Amino acid sequence: MPQMTLDDLRRLLIECAGETDDDSLSGDILDTDFTSLGYDSLAMLETAARITADYGVPVPDDRIPQLTTPRAVLDLVNAAASPSS
């Protein structure tokens, strides 16, 4: 399974929020809280559903509040997508 990149996550966030202006997502946002980026819990639920659909990585609803930054999302998805050693 392919690794999710920050650019992949940016694309998903823009699609899930229904916005075309991605200025808030430019630059180094890995450790920026989603609330500071303008993403609420509904946008994060939609993003989690898309991650499950696109990457095959289930994101339980009770885990979403813990995914507060892009880095946390990428770590979750890429850890699940990595083959076990």
N, C-alpha and C. Protein backbone atom coordinates (compact mmCIF):
# COMPACT_ATOMS: atom_id res chain seq x y z
N MET A 1 0.84 -1.18 0.00
CA MET A 1 0.00 0.00 0.00
C MET A 1 0.89 1.24 0.00
N PRO A 2 0.55 2.25 -0.79
CA PRO A 2 1.40 3.43 -0.88
C PRO A 2 1.35 4.27 0.40
N GLN A 3 2.44 4.93 0.67
CA GLN A 3 2.50 5.85 1.81
C GLN A 3 1.73 7.12 1.48
N MET A 4 1.11 7.70 2.48
CA MET A 4 0.42 8.98 2.31
C MET A 4 1.43 10.09 2.57
N THR A 5 1.49 11.04 1.66
CA THR A 5 2.39 12.18 1.81
C THR A 5 1.60 13.38 2.33
N LEU A 6 2.32 14.40 2.72
CA LEU A 6 1.67 15.63 3.17
C LEU A 6 0.84 16.23 2.04
N ASP A 7 1.33 16.15 0.82
CA ASP A 7 0.56 16.67 -0.32
C ASP A 7 -0.73 15.87 -0.53
N ASP A 8 -0.67 14.55 -0.32
CA ASP A 8 -1.89 13.73 -0.40
C ASP A 8 -2.90 14.17 0.65
N LEU A 9 -2.42 14.40 1.86
CA LEU A 9 -3.30 14.83 2.94
C LEU A 9 -3.88 16.21 2.65
N ARG A 10 -3.05 17.12 2.14
CA ARG A 10 -3.55 18.46 1.77
C ARG A 10 -4.72 18.33 0.79
N ARG A 11 -4.53 17.50 -0.24
CA ARG A 11 -5.57 17.32 -1.25
C ARG A 11 -6.86 16.81 -0.62
N LEU A 12 -6.73 15.80 0.24
CA LEU A 12 -7.91 15.25 0.92
C LEU A 12 -8.60 16.30 1.79
N LEU A 13 -7.82 17.06 2.53
CA LEU A 13 -8.41 18.08 3.40
C LEU A 13 -9.18 19.12 2.60
N ILE A 14 -8.62 19.53 1.49
CA ILE A 14 -9.30 20.51 0.64
C ILE A 14 -10.58 19.93 0.08
N GLU A 15 -10.53 18.70 -0.41
CA GLU A 15 -11.71 18.05 -0.96
C GLU A 15 -12.79 17.84 0.11
N CYS A 16 -12.39 17.43 1.30
CA CYS A 16 -13.36 17.12 2.35
C CYS A 16 -13.99 18.38 2.95
N ALA A 17 -13.26 19.47 2.95
CA ALA A 17 -13.79 20.71 3.49
C ALA A 17 -14.61 21.47 2.45
N GLY A 18 -14.52 21.04 1.20
CA GLY A 18 -15.27 21.70 0.15
C GLY A 18 -14.74 23.07 -0.20
N GLU A 19 -13.46 23.28 0.04
CA GLU A 19 -12.84 24.57 -0.24
C GLU A 19 -11.84 24.43 -1.38
N THR A 20 -11.69 25.50 -2.14
CA THR A 20 -10.69 25.48 -3.20
C THR A 20 -9.49 26.33 -2.85
N ASP A 21 -9.60 27.15 -1.81
CA ASP A 21 -8.49 28.00 -1.38
C ASP A 21 -7.64 27.22 -0.39
N ASP A 22 -6.43 26.88 -0.79
CA ASP A 22 -5.58 26.07 0.08
C ASP A 22 -4.45 26.86 0.71
N ASP A 23 -4.57 28.19 0.79
CA ASP A 23 -3.51 29.01 1.38
C ASP A 23 -3.21 28.62 2.82
N SER A 24 -4.25 28.23 3.58
CA SER A 24 -4.03 27.86 4.97
C SER A 24 -3.26 26.56 5.09
N LEU A 25 -3.17 25.81 4.01
CA LEU A 25 -2.48 24.52 4.04
C LEU A 25 -1.10 24.57 3.40
N SER A 26 -0.66 25.74 3.00
CA SER A 26 0.66 25.84 2.37
C SER A 26 1.75 25.91 3.44
N GLY A 27 2.94 25.60 3.04
CA GLY A 27 4.07 25.66 3.96
C GLY A 27 4.17 24.44 4.85
N ASP A 28 4.91 24.61 5.92
CA ASP A 28 5.16 23.52 6.86
C ASP A 28 4.05 23.49 7.90
N ILE A 29 3.07 22.63 7.67
CA ILE A 29 1.91 22.55 8.55
C ILE A 29 1.88 21.24 9.35
N LEU A 30 2.94 20.47 9.30
CA LEU A 30 2.94 19.14 9.93
C LEU A 30 2.50 19.17 11.40
N ASP A 31 2.91 20.18 12.14
CA ASP A 31 2.62 20.22 13.57
C ASP A 31 1.63 21.32 13.94
N THR A 32 0.88 21.81 12.96
CA THR A 32 -0.14 22.83 13.20
C THR A 32 -1.47 22.15 13.49
N ASP A 33 -2.13 22.57 14.56
CA ASP A 33 -3.43 21.99 14.91
C ASP A 33 -4.43 22.23 13.80
N PHE A 34 -5.27 21.22 13.56
CA PHE A 34 -6.29 21.35 12.53
C PHE A 34 -7.24 22.51 12.82
N THR A 35 -7.52 22.77 14.08
CA THR A 35 -8.42 23.89 14.41
C THR A 35 -7.79 25.21 13.98
N SER A 36 -6.48 25.35 14.11
CA SER A 36 -5.78 26.56 13.66
C SER A 36 -5.82 26.68 12.14
N LEU A 37 -5.92 25.53 11.47
CA LEU A 37 -6.01 25.51 10.00
C LEU A 37 -7.44 25.72 9.51
N GLY A 38 -8.39 25.77 10.45
CA GLY A 38 -9.78 26.01 10.08
C GLY A 38 -10.59 24.76 9.84
N TYR A 39 -10.12 23.61 10.33
CA TYR A 39 -10.84 22.35 10.12
C TYR A 39 -11.53 21.93 11.40
N ASP A 40 -12.85 21.72 11.30
CA ASP A 40 -13.63 21.32 12.46
C ASP A 40 -13.81 19.81 12.49
N SER A 41 -14.54 19.33 13.48
CA SER A 41 -14.70 17.89 13.66
C SER A 41 -15.44 17.25 12.49
N LEU A 42 -16.37 17.95 11.88
CA LEU A 42 -17.08 17.40 10.73
C LEU A 42 -16.13 17.18 9.54
N ALA A 43 -15.27 18.14 9.30
CA ALA A 43 -14.29 17.99 8.22
C ALA A 43 -13.33 16.84 8.51
N MET A 44 -12.99 16.66 9.78
CA MET A 44 -12.09 15.57 10.14
C MET A 44 -12.78 14.21 10.02
N LEU A 45 -14.07 14.14 10.33
CA LEU A 45 -14.81 12.89 10.13
C LEU A 45 -14.84 12.52 8.65
N GLU A 46 -15.08 13.49 7.82
CA GLU A 46 -15.09 13.25 6.38
C GLU A 46 -13.70 12.83 5.88
N THR A 47 -12.68 13.47 6.40
CA THR A 47 -11.31 13.12 6.03
C THR A 47 -10.99 11.68 6.45
N ALA A 48 -11.41 11.31 7.65
CA ALA A 48 -11.18 9.94 8.13
C ALA A 48 -11.89 8.93 7.24
N ALA A 49 -13.10 9.24 6.82
CA ALA A 49 -13.84 8.34 5.93
C ALA A 49 -13.12 8.19 4.59
N ARG A 50 -12.59 9.29 4.07
CA ARG A 50 -11.86 9.23 2.81
C ARG A 50 -10.55 8.46 2.94
N ILE A 51 -9.88 8.58 4.08
CA ILE A 51 -8.65 7.82 4.31
C ILE A 51 -8.97 6.33 4.30
N THR A 52 -10.07 5.96 4.94
CA THR A 52 -10.48 4.56 4.96
C THR A 52 -10.78 4.08 3.55
N ALA A 53 -11.51 4.89 2.79
CA ALA A 53 -11.88 4.50 1.42
C ALA A 53 -10.68 4.47 0.48
N ASP A 54 -9.83 5.48 0.55
CA ASP A 54 -8.73 5.61 -0.40
C ASP A 54 -7.49 4.80 -0.03
N TYR A 55 -7.24 4.64 1.26
CA TYR A 55 -6.01 3.98 1.71
C TYR A 55 -6.26 2.66 2.42
N GLY A 56 -7.52 2.34 2.68
CA GLY A 56 -7.84 1.09 3.36
C GLY A 56 -7.44 1.07 4.82
N VAL A 57 -7.25 2.24 5.40
CA VAL A 57 -6.85 2.34 6.80
C VAL A 57 -8.05 2.83 7.61
N PRO A 58 -8.61 1.95 8.44
CA PRO A 58 -9.75 2.39 9.24
C PRO A 58 -9.32 3.40 10.31
N VAL A 59 -10.11 4.45 10.44
CA VAL A 59 -9.87 5.46 11.47
C VAL A 59 -11.12 5.49 12.35
N PRO A 60 -11.07 4.84 13.51
CA PRO A 60 -12.24 4.80 14.38
C PRO A 60 -12.65 6.21 14.83
N ASP A 61 -13.95 6.42 14.96
CA ASP A 61 -14.46 7.73 15.36
C ASP A 61 -13.85 8.22 16.67
N ASP A 62 -13.62 7.29 17.60
CA ASP A 62 -13.07 7.70 18.90
C ASP A 62 -11.59 8.07 18.82
N ARG A 63 -10.94 7.77 17.73
CA ARG A 63 -9.53 8.12 17.53
C ARG A 63 -9.36 9.51 16.90
N ILE A 64 -10.39 9.98 16.21
CA ILE A 64 -10.30 11.26 15.49
C ILE A 64 -9.91 12.44 16.38
N PRO A 65 -10.47 12.58 17.60
CA PRO A 65 -10.06 13.72 18.44
C PRO A 65 -8.57 13.72 18.79
N GLN A 66 -7.92 12.56 18.73
CA GLN A 66 -6.49 12.47 19.02
C GLN A 66 -5.64 12.89 17.83
N LEU A 67 -6.23 12.92 16.66
CA LEU A 67 -5.50 13.27 15.44
C LEU A 67 -5.59 14.78 15.25
N THR A 68 -4.80 15.52 15.99
CA THR A 68 -4.92 16.97 16.03
C THR A 68 -4.05 17.71 15.02
N THR A 69 -3.09 16.99 14.42
CA THR A 69 -2.18 17.63 13.45
C THR A 69 -2.01 16.75 12.22
N PRO A 70 -1.58 17.34 11.12
CA PRO A 70 -1.29 16.52 9.94
C PRO A 70 -0.27 15.42 10.24
N ARG A 71 0.72 15.70 11.06
CA ARG A 71 1.72 14.67 11.39
C ARG A 71 1.06 13.46 12.05
N ALA A 72 0.12 13.69 12.95
CA ALA A 72 -0.57 12.59 13.63
C ALA A 72 -1.34 11.73 12.64
N VAL A 73 -1.99 12.37 11.67
CA VAL A 73 -2.73 11.63 10.65
C VAL A 73 -1.78 10.82 9.78
N LEU A 74 -0.72 11.46 9.32
CA LEU A 74 0.25 10.75 8.47
C LEU A 74 0.90 9.58 9.22
N ASP A 75 1.23 9.78 10.50
CA ASP A 75 1.81 8.70 11.28
C ASP A 75 0.85 7.52 11.38
N LEU A 76 -0.42 7.79 11.63
CA LEU A 76 -1.42 6.73 11.74
C LEU A 76 -1.56 5.97 10.43
N VAL A 77 -1.75 6.70 9.35
CA VAL A 77 -1.97 6.07 8.04
C VAL A 77 -0.74 5.30 7.59
N ASN A 78 0.42 5.91 7.70
CA ASN A 78 1.63 5.26 7.19
C ASN A 78 2.07 4.09 8.06
N ALA A 79 1.79 4.13 9.35
CA ALA A 79 2.11 2.98 10.21
C ALA A 79 1.21 1.80 9.83
N ALA A 80 -0.04 2.07 9.55
CA ALA A 80 -0.97 1.01 9.17
C ALA A 80 -0.67 0.48 7.77
N ALA A 81 -0.16 1.34 6.90
CA ALA A 81 0.11 0.95 5.52
C ALA A 81 1.44 0.21 5.36
N SER A 82 2.32 0.33 6.36
CA SER A 82 3.62 -0.33 6.28
C SER A 82 3.46 -1.82 6.53
N PRO A 83 4.17 -2.62 5.73
CA PRO A 83 4.11 -4.07 5.97
C PRO A 83 4.77 -4.42 7.29
N SER A 84 4.23 -5.40 7.96
CA SER A 84 4.81 -5.85 9.23
C SER A 84 6.13 -6.54 8.98
N SER A 85 7.04 -6.32 9.88
CA SER A 85 8.36 -6.97 9.75
C SER A 85 8.38 -8.26 10.50
